[in-house]
Amino acid sequence: MAKYSTGSSSGGGGTACELCGAESDSLRTATIAGATLEVCPDCTPHDDSSDTRGSSASSGSNASGSSRTDEEADRKKRAAQNVAKANPVWDGDSEHWEREGTSYDDDPLPYLVADYGDRLVEARQEAGLQRGELAEELDVREADLLAIEQGRATQAGVGGGLIDALEDYLDVELAE
């Protein structure tokens, strides 16, 4: 059975957990990421409704309509936080874009062509250079070149000056 079933979960018909697929005779209804699923005891801790919400719940009234809205807002907030944490650049520091030697006000990244990473790899290889050799020639970090080649220039915080230098050195168009 598929891990994420779209079948009815009206209580007790199936014996497989809709989250992990494990067979179980003691399935329970749980709300996970906004979906109501029949889950095994091992997956029950993932139930959003069993979270302790003391600090994130609204202060004051707990009318059923208000409580439902608060739970939805909390769920959306947690989802957004999880997406932010999944970003490889995120480190929990609000100034994670600041990096030694880079001034984004003075060196903004230009709009890049859609396939800028592939273009850079092709131009570097045509020039007969390894990534490390090119980094040494331009006196830049090899990790920055790798980020550009992988299409992660924005996430890596690469400045426009490096894009300009690559365009000049390899005679390739990376910016629009």
C-alpha atoms as a PDB file:
ATOM      1  CA  MET A   1       0.000   0.000   0.000  1.00  0.00           C
ATOM      2  CA  ALA A   2       1.171   3.522  -0.732  1.00  0.00           C
ATOM      3  CA  LYS A   3       2.547   5.530   2.152  1.00  0.00           C
ATOM      4  CA  TYR A   4       0.095   8.380   1.608  1.00  0.00           C
ATOM      5  CA  SER A   5      -3.340   6.937   1.034  1.00  0.00           C
ATOM      6  CA  THR A   6      -6.145   9.085  -0.256  1.00  0.00           C
ATOM      7  CA  GLY A   7      -8.743   6.525   0.735  1.00  0.00           C
ATOM      8  CA  SER A   8     -11.404   7.008   3.353  1.00  0.00           C
ATOM      9  CA  SER A   9     -10.270   7.055   6.941  1.00  0.00           C
ATOM     10  CA  SER A  10     -13.647   6.797   8.597  1.00  0.00           C
ATOM     11  CA  GLY A  11     -12.291   4.652  11.381  1.00  0.00           C
ATOM     12  CA  GLY A  12     -11.181   1.107  11.363  1.00  0.00           C
ATOM     13  CA  GLY A  13     -11.759  -0.274   7.855  1.00  0.00           C
ATOM     14  CA  GLY A  14      -8.107  -0.808   6.967  1.00  0.00           C
ATOM     15  CA  THR A  15      -5.240  -2.326   8.878  1.00  0.00           C
ATOM     16  CA  ALA A  16      -2.370  -0.357   7.320  1.00  0.00           C
ATOM     17  CA  CYS A  17      -1.061   2.949   8.658  1.00  0.00           C
ATOM     18  CA  GLU A  18      -1.714   5.689   6.110  1.00  0.00           C
ATOM     19  CA  LEU A  19       1.575   7.399   6.999  1.00  0.00           C
ATOM     20  CA  CYS A  20       4.168   4.609   7.085  1.00  0.00           C
ATOM     21  CA  GLY A  21       2.226   1.683   5.597  1.00  0.00           C
ATOM     22  CA  ALA A  22       2.806  -0.603   8.587  1.00  0.00           C
ATOM     23  CA  GLU A  23       0.125  -3.174   9.343  1.00  0.00           C
ATOM     24  CA  SER A  24      -1.561  -2.564  12.713  1.00  0.00           C
ATOM     25  CA  ASP A  25      -4.767  -3.553  14.487  1.00  0.00           C
ATOM     26  CA  SER A  26      -4.672  -0.412  16.634  1.00  0.00           C
ATOM     27  CA  LEU A  27      -4.912   2.464  14.160  1.00  0.00           C
ATOM     28  CA  ARG A  28      -5.831   5.902  15.493  1.00  0.00           C
ATOM     29  CA  THR A  29      -7.098   9.004  13.741  1.00  0.00           C
ATOM     30  CA  ALA A  30      -4.446  11.740  13.636  1.00  0.00           C
ATOM     31  CA  THR A  31      -4.098  15.126  11.978  1.00  0.00           C
ATOM     32  CA  ILE A  32      -0.705  15.364  10.282  1.00  0.00           C
ATOM     33  CA  ALA A  33       0.231  18.427   8.235  1.00  0.00           C
ATOM     34  CA  GLY A  34      -3.433  19.280   7.911  1.00  0.00           C
ATOM     35  CA  ALA A  35      -4.518  15.817   6.699  1.00  0.00           C
ATOM     36  CA  THR A  36      -6.626  13.436   8.754  1.00  0.00           C
ATOM     37  CA  LEU A  37      -5.059   9.984   8.607  1.00  0.00           C
ATOM     38  CA  GLU A  38      -5.398   6.592  10.278  1.00  0.00           C
ATOM     39  CA  VAL A  39      -1.975   5.955  11.827  1.00  0.00           C
ATOM     40  CA  CYS A  40      -0.238   3.228  13.825  1.00  0.00           C
ATOM     41  CA  PRO A  41       1.008   3.802  17.388  1.00  0.00           C
ATOM     42  CA  ASP A  42       4.533   4.464  16.051  1.00  0.00           C
ATOM     43  CA  CYS A  43       3.275   7.368  13.909  1.00  0.00           C
ATOM     44  CA  THR A  44       0.936   8.808  16.553  1.00  0.00           C
ATOM     45  CA  PRO A  45       3.648  11.224  17.855  1.00  0.00           C
ATOM     46  CA  HIS A  46       3.392  13.027  14.493  1.00  0.00           C
ATOM     47  CA  ASP A  47      -0.207  14.007  15.306  1.00  0.00           C
ATOM     48  CA  ASP A  48      -0.373  17.820  15.144  1.00  0.00           C
ATOM     49  CA  SER A  49      -3.325  17.920  17.521  1.00  0.00           C
ATOM     50  CA  SER A  50      -1.230  16.270  20.268  1.00  0.00           C
ATOM     51  CA  ASP A  51       1.458  19.006  20.183  1.00  0.00           C
ATOM     52  CA  THR A  52       1.799  21.170  23.245  1.00  0.00           C
ATOM     53  CA  ARG A  53       0.835  24.640  22.150  1.00  0.00           C
ATOM     54  CA  GLY A  54       1.220  26.549  25.404  1.00  0.00           C
ATOM     55  CA  SER A  55       3.548  29.227  24.109  1.00  0.00           C
ATOM     56  CA  SER A  56       2.267  29.398  20.551  1.00  0.00           C
ATOM     57  CA  ALA A  57      -1.477  29.203  21.174  1.00  0.00           C
ATOM     58  CA  SER A  58      -3.461  32.381  21.385  1.00  0.00           C
ATOM     59  CA  SER A  59      -3.914  33.916  24.768  1.00  0.00           C
ATOM     60  CA  GLY A  60      -7.453  34.367  25.934  1.00  0.00           C
ATOM     61  CA  SER A  61     -10.577  32.712  24.603  1.00  0.00           C
ATOM     62  CA  ASN A  62     -10.689  29.206  23.230  1.00  0.00           C
ATOM     63  CA  ALA A  63     -13.999  29.326  21.405  1.00  0.00           C
ATOM     64  CA  SER A  64     -14.172  26.449  18.942  1.00  0.00           C
ATOM     65  CA  GLY A  65     -14.060  28.713  15.861  1.00  0.00           C
ATOM     66  CA  SER A  66     -11.219  30.795  17.243  1.00  0.00           C
ATOM     67  CA  SER A  67      -9.286  27.736  18.392  1.00  0.00           C
ATOM     68  CA  ARG A  68      -9.577  26.145  14.945  1.00  0.00           C
ATOM     69  CA  THR A  69      -8.302  29.345  13.295  1.00  0.00           C
ATOM     70  CA  ASP A  70      -5.421  29.553  15.788  1.00  0.00           C
ATOM     71  CA  GLU A  71      -4.476  25.924  15.115  1.00  0.00           C
ATOM     72  CA  GLU A  72      -4.480  26.581  11.359  1.00  0.00           C
ATOM     73  CA  ALA A  73      -2.309  29.680  11.815  1.00  0.00           C
ATOM     74  CA  ASP A  74       0.098  27.718  14.041  1.00  0.00           C
ATOM     75  CA  ARG A  75       0.267  24.910  11.485  1.00  0.00           C
ATOM     76  CA  LYS A  76       1.037  27.360   8.678  1.00  0.00           C
ATOM     77  CA  LYS A  77       3.671  29.094  10.792  1.00  0.00           C
ATOM     78  CA  ARG A  78       5.395  25.779  11.606  1.00  0.00           C
ATOM     79  CA  ALA A  79       5.261  24.771   7.937  1.00  0.00           C
ATOM     80  CA  ALA A  80       6.911  28.037   6.891  1.00  0.00           C
ATOM     81  CA  GLN A  81       9.592  27.596   9.553  1.00  0.00           C
ATOM     82  CA  ASN A  82      10.285  24.064   8.327  1.00  0.00           C
ATOM     83  CA  VAL A  83      10.644  25.291   4.744  1.00  0.00           C
ATOM     84  CA  ALA A  84      13.073  27.976   5.909  1.00  0.00           C
ATOM     85  CA  LYS A  85      15.088  25.405   7.862  1.00  0.00           C
ATOM     86  CA  ALA A  86      15.238  23.141   4.797  1.00  0.00           C
ATOM     87  CA  ASN A  87      16.989  25.888   2.834  1.00  0.00           C
ATOM     88  CA  PRO A  88      20.691  24.904   2.799  1.00  0.00           C
ATOM     89  CA  VAL A  89      21.760  28.476   3.595  1.00  0.00           C
ATOM     90  CA  TRP A  90      19.601  28.789   6.724  1.00  0.00           C
ATOM     91  CA  ASP A  91      21.603  28.660   9.951  1.00  0.00           C
ATOM     92  CA  GLY A  92      19.209  30.250  12.412  1.00  0.00           C
ATOM     93  CA  ASP A  93      21.041  33.579  12.317  1.00  0.00           C
ATOM     94  CA  SER A  94      19.005  36.513  11.050  1.00  0.00           C
ATOM     95  CA  GLU A  95      22.114  37.890   9.360  1.00  0.00           C
ATOM     96  CA  HIS A  96      22.861  34.711   7.424  1.00  0.00           C
ATOM     97  CA  TRP A  97      23.235  36.640   4.173  1.00  0.00           C
ATOM     98  CA  GLU A  98      26.185  38.615   5.521  1.00  0.00           C
ATOM     99  CA  ARG A  99      29.525  37.041   4.708  1.00  0.00           C
ATOM    100  CA  GLU A 100      33.013  38.356   5.221  1.00  0.00           C
ATOM    101  CA  GLY A 101      34.180  40.418   2.290  1.00  0.00           C
ATOM    102  CA  THR A 102      30.798  40.657   0.562  1.00  0.00           C
ATOM    103  CA  SER A 103      28.788  43.857   0.472  1.00  0.00           C
ATOM    104  CA  TYR A 104      25.480  43.199  -1.253  1.00  0.00           C
ATOM    105  CA  ASP A 105      24.620  46.901  -1.453  1.00  0.00           C
ATOM    106  CA  ASP A 106      27.848  47.598  -3.335  1.00  0.00           C
ATOM    107  CA  ASP A 107      27.945  44.328  -5.331  1.00  0.00           C
ATOM    108  CA  PRO A 108      24.387  43.238  -6.190  1.00  0.00           C
ATOM    109  CA  LEU A 109      23.835  40.032  -8.107  1.00  0.00           C
ATOM    110  CA  PRO A 110      22.485  40.809 -11.597  1.00  0.00           C
ATOM    111  CA  TYR A 111      19.560  38.962 -13.156  1.00  0.00           C
ATOM    112  CA  LEU A 112      21.047  35.716 -14.415  1.00  0.00           C
ATOM    113  CA  VAL A 113      20.085  33.777 -17.537  1.00  0.00           C
ATOM    114  CA  ALA A 114      18.073  30.639 -16.865  1.00  0.00           C
ATOM    115  CA  ASP A 115      20.886  28.178 -17.607  1.00  0.00           C
ATOM    116  CA  TYR A 116      23.775  30.188 -16.138  1.00  0.00           C
ATOM    117  CA  GLY A 117      25.210  27.191 -14.273  1.00  0.00           C
ATOM    118  CA  ASP A 118      25.394  25.008 -17.369  1.00  0.00           C
ATOM    119  CA  ARG A 119      26.857  27.883 -19.385  1.00  0.00           C
ATOM    120  CA  LEU A 120      29.622  28.375 -16.829  1.00  0.00           C
ATOM    121  CA  VAL A 121      30.511  24.671 -16.724  1.00  0.00           C
ATOM    122  CA  GLU A 122      30.657  24.534 -20.525  1.00  0.00           C
ATOM    123  CA  ALA A 123      32.785  27.693 -20.813  1.00  0.00           C
ATOM    124  CA  ARG A 124      35.184  26.542 -18.079  1.00  0.00           C
ATOM    125  CA  GLN A 125      35.618  23.133 -19.698  1.00  0.00           C
ATOM    126  CA  GLU A 126      36.126  24.697 -23.142  1.00  0.00           C
ATOM    127  CA  ALA A 127      38.889  26.810 -21.609  1.00  0.00           C
ATOM    128  CA  GLY A 128      40.463  23.588 -20.333  1.00  0.00           C
ATOM    129  CA  LEU A 129      40.250  24.637 -16.693  1.00  0.00           C
ATOM    130  CA  GLN A 130      39.357  22.702 -13.583  1.00  0.00           C
ATOM    131  CA  ARG A 131      37.140  24.514 -11.098  1.00  0.00           C
ATOM    132  CA  GLY A 132      40.048  24.906  -8.670  1.00  0.00           C
ATOM    133  CA  GLU A 133      42.278  26.366 -11.367  1.00  0.00           C
ATOM    134  CA  LEU A 134      39.641  28.926 -12.323  1.00  0.00           C
ATOM    135  CA  ALA A 135      39.113  29.850  -8.674  1.00  0.00           C
ATOM    136  CA  GLU A 136      42.868  30.389  -8.303  1.00  0.00           C
ATOM    137  CA  GLU A 137      43.069  32.485 -11.496  1.00  0.00           C
ATOM    138  CA  LEU A 138      40.260  34.776 -10.321  1.00  0.00           C
ATOM    139  CA  ASP A 139      41.292  34.661  -6.649  1.00  0.00           C
ATOM    140  CA  VAL A 140      37.849  33.512  -5.506  1.00  0.00           C
ATOM    141  CA  ARG A 141      36.552  30.641  -3.413  1.00  0.00           C
ATOM    142  CA  GLU A 142      36.054  27.369  -5.270  1.00  0.00           C
ATOM    143  CA  ALA A 143      32.825  26.899  -3.293  1.00  0.00           C
ATOM    144  CA  ASP A 144      31.429  30.068  -4.908  1.00  0.00           C
ATOM    145  CA  LEU A 145      32.204  28.727  -8.381  1.00  0.00           C
ATOM    146  CA  LEU A 146      30.567  25.415  -7.492  1.00  0.00           C
ATOM    147  CA  ALA A 147      27.466  27.253  -6.253  1.00  0.00           C
ATOM    148  CA  ILE A 148      27.214  29.165  -9.535  1.00  0.00           C
ATOM    149  CA  GLU A 149      27.714  25.997 -11.589  1.00  0.00           C
ATOM    150  CA  GLN A 150      24.957  24.305  -9.592  1.00  0.00           C
ATOM    151  CA  GLY A 151      22.567  27.237 -10.099  1.00  0.00           C
ATOM    152  CA  ARG A 152      22.735  28.360  -6.459  1.00  0.00           C
ATOM    153  CA  ALA A 153      24.332  31.794  -6.900  1.00  0.00           C
ATOM    154  CA  THR A 154      21.598  33.595  -4.980  1.00  0.00           C
ATOM    155  CA  GLN A 155      21.504  31.125  -2.084  1.00  0.00           C
ATOM    156  CA  ALA A 156      25.310  31.170  -1.796  1.00  0.00           C
ATOM    157  CA  GLY A 157      25.366  34.966  -1.706  1.00  0.00           C
ATOM    158  CA  VAL A 158      27.616  35.360  -4.727  1.00  0.00           C
ATOM    159  CA  GLY A 159      28.183  38.997  -5.675  1.00  0.00           C
ATOM    160  CA  GLY A 160      27.757  40.527  -9.097  1.00  0.00           C
ATOM    161  CA  GLY A 161      31.487  41.235  -9.318  1.00  0.00           C
ATOM    162  CA  LEU A 162      32.235  37.514  -9.545  1.00  0.00           C
ATOM    163  CA  ILE A 163      29.643  37.083 -12.295  1.00  0.00           C
ATOM    164  CA  ASP A 164      31.240  39.982 -14.202  1.00  0.00           C
ATOM    165  CA  ALA A 165      34.725  38.511 -13.734  1.00  0.00           C
ATOM    166  CA  LEU A 166      33.592  35.099 -14.996  1.00  0.00           C
ATOM    167  CA  GLU A 167      31.911  36.648 -18.022  1.00  0.00           C
ATOM    168  CA  ASP A 168      35.062  38.607 -18.886  1.00  0.00           C
ATOM    169  CA  TYR A 169      37.560  35.817 -18.217  1.00  0.00           C
ATOM    170  CA  LEU A 170      35.643  33.040 -20.020  1.00  0.00           C
ATOM    171  CA  ASP A 171      33.829  35.201 -22.591  1.00  0.00           C
ATOM    172  CA  VAL A 172      30.440  33.781 -21.553  1.00  0.00           C
ATOM    173  CA  GLU A 173      27.087  35.454 -20.950  1.00  0.00           C
ATOM    174  CA  LEU A 174      25.687  34.656 -17.499  1.00  0.00           C
ATOM    175  CA  ALA A 175      23.650  37.808 -16.791  1.00  0.00           C
ATOM    176  CA  GLU A 176      20.711  39.162 -18.753  1.00  0.00           C
END
